[in-house]
Amino acid sequence: MSQRANKRESAHMGRVAAMECICCYLLGRKQESKTSVHHVRVGHGGAQRAGHFCTVPLCEDDCHQGRNGVHGDQHYLHILKMTQIDLLNATLERLYGDQR
C-alpha cells in the first residue's frame, strides 16, 4: 500500500506511535529508543506493506531496525514465538482492550 494516510489512518498511527514498543513490553524489557510505527509485512511482496491500520509500535534502534528486530534476523520474534500478525494482535489488544 503506497497511498498517503487519511485522517482516520493518521489518527490511528498517532495512537500507535504514542505506545511503548510492543516487543519490549512482551519481553519485559525497558525501551531504550524512540517508538516508530511499523507496517506489518506478512503475506505481502517484498516492496509492499500492509495498510495503515496494520501497524505496530517498535523501538527504532532495536526491535525495528536493529540486528534482532523485524528488519533484521527477527530474533525477538523467535524468542516470543510470535509473528508480525501476533504483534499486531497484541498491539490492538493493548490499544483497545480496556474499552467496553
C-alpha atoms as a PDB file:
ATOM      1  CA  MET A   1       0.000   0.000   0.000  1.00  0.00           C
ATOM      2  CA  SER A   2       1.586   3.227  -1.105  1.00  0.00           C
ATOM      3  CA  GLN A   3      -1.320   5.590  -0.508  1.00  0.00           C
ATOM      4  CA  ARG A   4      -0.970   8.535   1.802  1.00  0.00           C
ATOM      5  CA  ALA A   5      -2.786   8.035   5.109  1.00  0.00           C
ATOM      6  CA  ASN A   6      -6.224   9.617   5.504  1.00  0.00           C
ATOM      7  CA  LYS A   7      -7.341  11.375   8.721  1.00  0.00           C
ATOM      8  CA  ARG A   8      -8.557   8.220  10.471  1.00  0.00           C
ATOM      9  CA  GLU A   9      -5.453   6.255   9.499  1.00  0.00           C
ATOM     10  CA  SER A  10      -3.182   9.099  10.619  1.00  0.00           C
ATOM     11  CA  ALA A  11      -5.011   9.321  13.957  1.00  0.00           C
ATOM     12  CA  HIS A  12      -4.656   5.575  14.477  1.00  0.00           C
ATOM     13  CA  MET A  13      -0.934   5.630  13.625  1.00  0.00           C
ATOM     14  CA  GLY A  14      -0.524   8.549  16.039  1.00  0.00           C
ATOM     15  CA  ARG A  15      -2.027   6.436  18.825  1.00  0.00           C
ATOM     16  CA  VAL A  16       0.291   3.551  17.885  1.00  0.00           C
ATOM     17  CA  ALA A  17       3.317   5.879  17.833  1.00  0.00           C
ATOM     18  CA  ALA A  18       2.444   7.056  21.356  1.00  0.00           C
ATOM     19  CA  MET A  19       2.621   3.491  22.704  1.00  0.00           C
ATOM     20  CA  GLU A  20       5.671   1.761  24.099  1.00  0.00           C
ATOM     21  CA  CYS A  21       7.398  -0.822  21.924  1.00  0.00           C
ATOM     22  CA  ILE A  22       5.220  -3.935  21.831  1.00  0.00           C
ATOM     23  CA  CYS A  23       8.241  -6.277  21.639  1.00  0.00           C
ATOM     24  CA  CYS A  24       9.979  -4.658  24.614  1.00  0.00           C
ATOM     25  CA  TYR A  25       6.702  -4.818  26.553  1.00  0.00           C
ATOM     26  CA  LEU A  26       6.203  -8.511  25.765  1.00  0.00           C
ATOM     27  CA  LEU A  27       9.861  -9.321  26.505  1.00  0.00           C
ATOM     28  CA  GLY A  28       9.686  -7.455  29.834  1.00  0.00           C
ATOM     29  CA  ARG A  29      12.486  -5.100  28.748  1.00  0.00           C
ATOM     30  CA  LYS A  30      12.971  -1.366  29.150  1.00  0.00           C
ATOM     31  CA  GLN A  31      12.601   0.513  25.856  1.00  0.00           C
ATOM     32  CA  GLU A  32      15.763   2.482  25.084  1.00  0.00           C
ATOM     33  CA  SER A  33      14.956   4.365  21.862  1.00  0.00           C
ATOM     34  CA  LYS A  34      12.000   6.245  20.411  1.00  0.00           C
ATOM     35  CA  THR A  35       8.952   4.388  19.162  1.00  0.00           C
ATOM     36  CA  SER A  36       8.430   4.115  15.430  1.00  0.00           C
ATOM     37  CA  VAL A  37       5.393   2.799  13.572  1.00  0.00           C
ATOM     38  CA  HIS A  38       5.987  -0.412  11.614  1.00  0.00           C
ATOM     39  CA  HIS A  39       3.592  -1.644   8.919  1.00  0.00           C
ATOM     40  CA  VAL A  40       3.377  -5.414   9.286  1.00  0.00           C
ATOM     41  CA  ARG A  41       4.770  -7.387   6.339  1.00  0.00           C
ATOM     42  CA  VAL A  42       3.098 -10.763   6.318  1.00  0.00           C
ATOM     43  CA  GLY A  43       1.624 -12.159   3.130  1.00  0.00           C
ATOM     44  CA  HIS A  44       2.865  -9.239   1.048  1.00  0.00           C
ATOM     45  CA  GLY A  45       5.548  -8.919  -1.599  1.00  0.00           C
ATOM     46  CA  GLY A  46       8.959  -7.584  -0.660  1.00  0.00           C
ATOM     47  CA  ALA A  47       8.268  -3.966  -1.565  1.00  0.00           C
ATOM     48  CA  GLN A  48       4.652  -3.920  -0.364  1.00  0.00           C
ATOM     49  CA  ARG A  49       3.331  -3.245   3.095  1.00  0.00           C
ATOM     50  CA  ALA A  50       0.019  -3.689   4.851  1.00  0.00           C
ATOM     51  CA  GLY A  51      -2.480  -0.867   5.293  1.00  0.00           C
ATOM     52  CA  HIS A  52      -2.048   1.973   7.763  1.00  0.00           C
ATOM     53  CA  PHE A  53      -4.289   0.293  10.357  1.00  0.00           C
ATOM     54  CA  CYS A  54      -1.976  -2.765  10.347  1.00  0.00           C
ATOM     55  CA  THR A  55       0.794  -1.062  12.298  1.00  0.00           C
ATOM     56  CA  VAL A  56       2.691  -1.877  15.473  1.00  0.00           C
ATOM     57  CA  PRO A  57       4.865   0.247  17.787  1.00  0.00           C
ATOM     58  CA  LEU A  58       8.523  -0.793  17.789  1.00  0.00           C
ATOM     59  CA  CYS A  59      11.557   0.873  19.296  1.00  0.00           C
ATOM     60  CA  GLU A  60      13.530   2.285  16.390  1.00  0.00           C
ATOM     61  CA  ASP A  61      17.088   1.223  17.252  1.00  0.00           C
ATOM     62  CA  ASP A  62      16.450  -2.321  18.456  1.00  0.00           C
ATOM     63  CA  CYS A  63      13.156  -4.091  17.754  1.00  0.00           C
ATOM     64  CA  HIS A  64      12.511  -2.248  14.479  1.00  0.00           C
ATOM     65  CA  GLN A  65      15.798  -1.573  12.668  1.00  0.00           C
ATOM     66  CA  GLY A  66      18.207  -3.408  14.974  1.00  0.00           C
ATOM     67  CA  ARG A  67      20.031  -6.645  14.230  1.00  0.00           C
ATOM     68  CA  ASN A  68      17.474  -8.710  16.215  1.00  0.00           C
ATOM     69  CA  GLY A  69      14.441  -6.701  15.084  1.00  0.00           C
ATOM     70  CA  VAL A  70      11.792  -7.187  12.430  1.00  0.00           C
ATOM     71  CA  HIS A  71      14.019  -5.762   9.686  1.00  0.00           C
ATOM     72  CA  GLY A  72      16.956  -7.829  10.963  1.00  0.00           C
ATOM     73  CA  ASP A  73      17.042 -11.541  11.746  1.00  0.00           C
ATOM     74  CA  GLN A  74      13.759 -11.333  13.731  1.00  0.00           C
ATOM     75  CA  HIS A  75      15.391 -12.999  16.741  1.00  0.00           C
ATOM     76  CA  TYR A  76      12.994 -11.282  19.152  1.00  0.00           C
ATOM     77  CA  LEU A  77      10.011 -12.724  17.291  1.00  0.00           C
ATOM     78  CA  HIS A  78      11.566 -16.177  17.607  1.00  0.00           C
ATOM     79  CA  ILE A  79      12.059 -15.685  21.362  1.00  0.00           C
ATOM     80  CA  LEU A  80       8.421 -14.606  21.703  1.00  0.00           C
ATOM     81  CA  LYS A  81       7.259 -17.408  19.380  1.00  0.00           C
ATOM     82  CA  MET A  82       5.218 -14.784  17.540  1.00  0.00           C
ATOM     83  CA  THR A  83       4.698 -13.473  14.024  1.00  0.00           C
ATOM     84  CA  GLN A  84       4.182  -9.873  12.975  1.00  0.00           C
ATOM     85  CA  ILE A  85       0.438 -10.606  12.902  1.00  0.00           C
ATOM     86  CA  ASP A  86       0.688 -11.714  16.549  1.00  0.00           C
ATOM     87  CA  LEU A  87       2.394  -8.381  17.335  1.00  0.00           C
ATOM     88  CA  LEU A  88      -0.471  -6.588  15.596  1.00  0.00           C
ATOM     89  CA  ASN A  89      -2.980  -8.512  17.708  1.00  0.00           C
ATOM     90  CA  ALA A  90      -1.087  -7.676  20.922  1.00  0.00           C
ATOM     91  CA  THR A  91      -0.916  -4.016  19.868  1.00  0.00           C
ATOM     92  CA  LEU A  92      -4.657  -3.796  19.214  1.00  0.00           C
ATOM     93  CA  GLU A  93      -5.396  -5.595  22.469  1.00  0.00           C
ATOM     94  CA  ARG A  94      -3.288  -3.070  24.413  1.00  0.00           C
ATOM     95  CA  LEU A  95      -4.709  -0.134  22.485  1.00  0.00           C
ATOM     96  CA  TYR A  96      -8.397  -1.051  22.587  1.00  0.00           C
ATOM     97  CA  GLY A  97      -8.671  -3.927  25.087  1.00  0.00           C
ATOM     98  CA  ASP A  98      -9.960  -1.869  28.013  1.00  0.00           C
ATOM     99  CA  GLN A  99     -12.848  -0.317  26.092  1.00  0.00           C
ATOM    100  CA  ARG A 100     -16.256  -1.754  26.971  1.00  0.00           C
END
